[in-house]
Amino acid sequence: MGGFAARKCLHVVEHVEQVLAIELLAACQAIEFLRPLKTTKPLEAVYNLVRSVVKPWDKDRYMAPDIDAATKLIQEEKVWKVAKPFMDHYHEVQSLETPVHSPTSVTHSSAPRAKKRKNPFKH
């Protein structure tokens, strides 16, 4: 039963890679619709990588080769290699992590203590 579960897990991972590839292609096509506007440098770098293997859709065509090419970019970690330097630079520039002030993120040790009210009935 463990072997079957491992094979099934492998199929799930393969499908997730394909879904990510389709999402990547859709995002690049969306950027295409907004041209001549530019997006951020990291997104432009990923966009250029994708466009180096998949041309924009300007007419209907069979999409399987494009999906396979984008999936291969993900499997070979090329998207990661393009995005990682931008992520590293971002973390170098950020000297301290921005604190999140949320009522659900407060721990008991750092929670502000409520002020005690005077009891008007107590003498």
C-alpha atoms as a PDB file:
ATOM      1  CA  MET A   1       0.000   0.000   0.000  1.00  0.00           C
ATOM      2  CA  GLY A   2       2.940   2.359   0.639  1.00  0.00           C
ATOM      3  CA  GLY A   3       4.240   1.887  -2.897  1.00  0.00           C
ATOM      4  CA  PHE A   4       0.867   2.763  -4.378  1.00  0.00           C
ATOM      5  CA  ALA A   5       0.679   5.892  -2.214  1.00  0.00           C
ATOM      6  CA  ALA A   6       4.184   6.934  -3.322  1.00  0.00           C
ATOM      7  CA  ARG A   7       3.260   6.543  -7.006  1.00  0.00           C
ATOM      8  CA  LYS A   8       0.057   8.476  -6.465  1.00  0.00           C
ATOM      9  CA  CYS A   9       2.016  11.224  -4.695  1.00  0.00           C
ATOM     10  CA  LEU A  10       4.391  11.433  -7.665  1.00  0.00           C
ATOM     11  CA  HIS A  11       1.424  11.914 -10.013  1.00  0.00           C
ATOM     12  CA  VAL A  12       0.096  14.679  -7.762  1.00  0.00           C
ATOM     13  CA  VAL A  13       3.467  16.462  -7.859  1.00  0.00           C
ATOM     14  CA  GLU A  14       3.583  16.159 -11.658  1.00  0.00           C
ATOM     15  CA  HIS A  15       0.093  17.630 -11.923  1.00  0.00           C
ATOM     16  CA  VAL A  16       1.009  20.481  -9.576  1.00  0.00           C
ATOM     17  CA  GLU A  17       3.999  21.277 -11.810  1.00  0.00           C
ATOM     18  CA  GLN A  18       1.681  21.412 -14.815  1.00  0.00           C
ATOM     19  CA  VAL A  19      -0.826  23.616 -12.998  1.00  0.00           C
ATOM     20  CA  LEU A  20       1.985  25.988 -11.981  1.00  0.00           C
ATOM     21  CA  ALA A  21       3.181  26.059 -15.592  1.00  0.00           C
ATOM     22  CA  ILE A  22      -0.317  26.954 -16.807  1.00  0.00           C
ATOM     23  CA  GLU A  23      -0.569  29.686 -14.165  1.00  0.00           C
ATOM     24  CA  LEU A  24       2.828  31.014 -15.259  1.00  0.00           C
ATOM     25  CA  LEU A  25       1.719  31.090 -18.892  1.00  0.00           C
ATOM     26  CA  ALA A  26      -1.524  32.843 -17.965  1.00  0.00           C
ATOM     27  CA  ALA A  27       0.361  35.461 -15.955  1.00  0.00           C
ATOM     28  CA  CYS A  28       2.744  36.116 -18.846  1.00  0.00           C
ATOM     29  CA  GLN A  29      -0.171  36.452 -21.249  1.00  0.00           C
ATOM     30  CA  ALA A  30      -1.831  38.910 -18.851  1.00  0.00           C
ATOM     31  CA  ILE A  31       1.362  40.985 -18.822  1.00  0.00           C
ATOM     32  CA  GLU A  32       1.272  40.828 -22.612  1.00  0.00           C
ATOM     33  CA  PHE A  33      -2.183  42.429 -22.642  1.00  0.00           C
ATOM     34  CA  LEU A  34      -0.887  45.364 -20.570  1.00  0.00           C
ATOM     35  CA  ARG A  35       2.064  46.189 -22.800  1.00  0.00           C
ATOM     36  CA  PRO A  36       3.745  48.684 -23.254  1.00  0.00           C
ATOM     37  CA  LEU A  37       3.501  48.968 -19.458  1.00  0.00           C
ATOM     38  CA  LYS A  38       6.268  47.305 -17.453  1.00  0.00           C
ATOM     39  CA  THR A  39       6.024  45.384 -14.213  1.00  0.00           C
ATOM     40  CA  THR A  40       8.668  44.859 -11.492  1.00  0.00           C
ATOM     41  CA  LYS A  41      12.203  43.755 -12.375  1.00  0.00           C
ATOM     42  CA  PRO A  42      11.767  40.252 -10.887  1.00  0.00           C
ATOM     43  CA  LEU A  43       8.534  39.666 -12.809  1.00  0.00           C
ATOM     44  CA  GLU A  44      10.047  41.038 -16.009  1.00  0.00           C
ATOM     45  CA  ALA A  45      12.962  38.619 -15.594  1.00  0.00           C
ATOM     46  CA  VAL A  46      10.618  35.646 -15.177  1.00  0.00           C
ATOM     47  CA  TYR A  47       8.476  36.928 -18.057  1.00  0.00           C
ATOM     48  CA  ASN A  48      11.561  37.107 -20.318  1.00  0.00           C
ATOM     49  CA  LEU A  49      12.563  33.576 -19.319  1.00  0.00           C
ATOM     50  CA  VAL A  50       9.132  32.199 -20.169  1.00  0.00           C
ATOM     51  CA  ARG A  51       9.001  34.152 -23.421  1.00  0.00           C
ATOM     52  CA  SER A  52      12.374  32.694 -24.403  1.00  0.00           C
ATOM     53  CA  VAL A  53      10.649  29.307 -24.797  1.00  0.00           C
ATOM     54  CA  VAL A  54       6.980  30.226 -25.335  1.00  0.00           C
ATOM     55  CA  LYS A  55       5.866  32.978 -27.676  1.00  0.00           C
ATOM     56  CA  PRO A  56       2.790  35.095 -26.830  1.00  0.00           C
ATOM     57  CA  TRP A  57      -0.572  33.861 -28.063  1.00  0.00           C
ATOM     58  CA  ASP A  58      -1.805  36.153 -30.804  1.00  0.00           C
ATOM     59  CA  LYS A  59      -4.001  33.472 -32.363  1.00  0.00           C
ATOM     60  CA  ASP A  60      -5.408  30.085 -31.386  1.00  0.00           C
ATOM     61  CA  ARG A  61      -2.948  27.216 -31.315  1.00  0.00           C
ATOM     62  CA  TYR A  62      -2.376  23.872 -29.658  1.00  0.00           C
ATOM     63  CA  MET A  63      -1.198  24.647 -26.104  1.00  0.00           C
ATOM     64  CA  ALA A  64       0.332  21.330 -25.016  1.00  0.00           C
ATOM     65  CA  PRO A  65       3.843  22.152 -26.328  1.00  0.00           C
ATOM     66  CA  ASP A  66       3.755  25.513 -24.520  1.00  0.00           C
ATOM     67  CA  ILE A  67       2.602  23.897 -21.278  1.00  0.00           C
ATOM     68  CA  ASP A  68       5.331  21.257 -21.610  1.00  0.00           C
ATOM     69  CA  ALA A  69       7.982  23.949 -22.191  1.00  0.00           C
ATOM     70  CA  ALA A  70       6.849  25.944 -19.150  1.00  0.00           C
ATOM     71  CA  THR A  71       6.680  22.763 -17.061  1.00  0.00           C
ATOM     72  CA  LYS A  72      10.254  21.981 -18.070  1.00  0.00           C
ATOM     73  CA  LEU A  73      11.336  25.464 -16.877  1.00  0.00           C
ATOM     74  CA  ILE A  74       9.831  24.673 -13.489  1.00  0.00           C
ATOM     75  CA  GLN A  75      11.262  21.147 -13.296  1.00  0.00           C
ATOM     76  CA  GLU A  76      14.751  22.343 -14.224  1.00  0.00           C
ATOM     77  CA  GLU A  77      14.449  25.098 -11.588  1.00  0.00           C
ATOM     78  CA  LYS A  78      15.143  27.806 -14.165  1.00  0.00           C
ATOM     79  CA  VAL A  79      12.318  29.977 -12.855  1.00  0.00           C
ATOM     80  CA  TRP A  80      13.785  29.628  -9.366  1.00  0.00           C
ATOM     81  CA  LYS A  81      17.279  30.539 -10.591  1.00  0.00           C
ATOM     82  CA  VAL A  82      15.930  33.717 -12.205  1.00  0.00           C
ATOM     83  CA  ALA A  83      13.832  34.770  -9.194  1.00  0.00           C
ATOM     84  CA  LYS A  84      16.250  33.804  -6.378  1.00  0.00           C
ATOM     85  CA  PRO A  85      18.760  36.676  -6.829  1.00  0.00           C
ATOM     86  CA  PHE A  86      15.930  39.197  -6.508  1.00  0.00           C
ATOM     87  CA  MET A  87      14.692  37.465  -3.371  1.00  0.00           C
ATOM     88  CA  ASP A  88      18.203  37.399  -1.892  1.00  0.00           C
ATOM     89  CA  HIS A  89      18.659  41.094  -2.640  1.00  0.00           C
ATOM     90  CA  TYR A  90      15.332  41.884  -1.004  1.00  0.00           C
ATOM     91  CA  HIS A  91      16.349  40.028   2.163  1.00  0.00           C
ATOM     92  CA  GLU A  92      19.753  41.778   2.222  1.00  0.00           C
ATOM     93  CA  VAL A  93      18.087  45.186   2.012  1.00  0.00           C
ATOM     94  CA  GLN A  94      15.604  44.369   4.743  1.00  0.00           C
ATOM     95  CA  SER A  95      17.647  44.815   7.903  1.00  0.00           C
ATOM     96  CA  LEU A  96      14.930  43.638  10.241  1.00  0.00           C
ATOM     97  CA  GLU A  97      11.783  41.733   9.594  1.00  0.00           C
ATOM     98  CA  THR A  98       8.783  43.998   9.676  1.00  0.00           C
ATOM     99  CA  PRO A  99       6.811  43.262  12.838  1.00  0.00           C
ATOM    100  CA  VAL A 100       3.256  42.209  12.277  1.00  0.00           C
ATOM    101  CA  HIS A 101       0.817  43.852  14.638  1.00  0.00           C
ATOM    102  CA  SER A 102      -2.197  41.639  14.764  1.00  0.00           C
ATOM    103  CA  PRO A 103      -4.408  40.641  17.668  1.00  0.00           C
ATOM    104  CA  THR A 104      -3.848  37.007  16.788  1.00  0.00           C
ATOM    105  CA  SER A 105      -0.051  37.303  16.636  1.00  0.00           C
ATOM    106  CA  VAL A 106       0.417  38.493  20.231  1.00  0.00           C
ATOM    107  CA  THR A 107       1.869  35.933  22.616  1.00  0.00           C
ATOM    108  CA  HIS A 108       0.959  35.776  26.292  1.00  0.00           C
ATOM    109  CA  SER A 109       4.363  36.928  27.450  1.00  0.00           C
ATOM    110  CA  SER A 110       4.284  40.059  25.305  1.00  0.00           C
ATOM    111  CA  ALA A 111       0.570  40.778  25.515  1.00  0.00           C
ATOM    112  CA  PRO A 112      -0.256  44.188  26.950  1.00  0.00           C
ATOM    113  CA  ARG A 113      -1.802  43.976  30.370  1.00  0.00           C
ATOM    114  CA  ALA A 114      -5.189  45.516  30.899  1.00  0.00           C
ATOM    115  CA  LYS A 115      -5.356  48.322  33.405  1.00  0.00           C
ATOM    116  CA  LYS A 116      -7.224  47.478  36.565  1.00  0.00           C
ATOM    117  CA  ARG A 117     -10.322  49.530  37.071  1.00  0.00           C
ATOM    118  CA  LYS A 118     -11.276  50.826  40.407  1.00  0.00           C
ATOM    119  CA  ASN A 119     -14.294  49.092  41.800  1.00  0.00           C
ATOM    120  CA  PRO A 120     -16.749  51.852  42.780  1.00  0.00           C
ATOM    121  CA  PHE A 121     -18.475  49.498  45.198  1.00  0.00           C
ATOM    122  CA  LYS A 122     -15.348  48.497  47.036  1.00  0.00           C
ATOM    123  CA  HIS A 123     -14.187  50.767  49.883  1.00  0.00           C
END
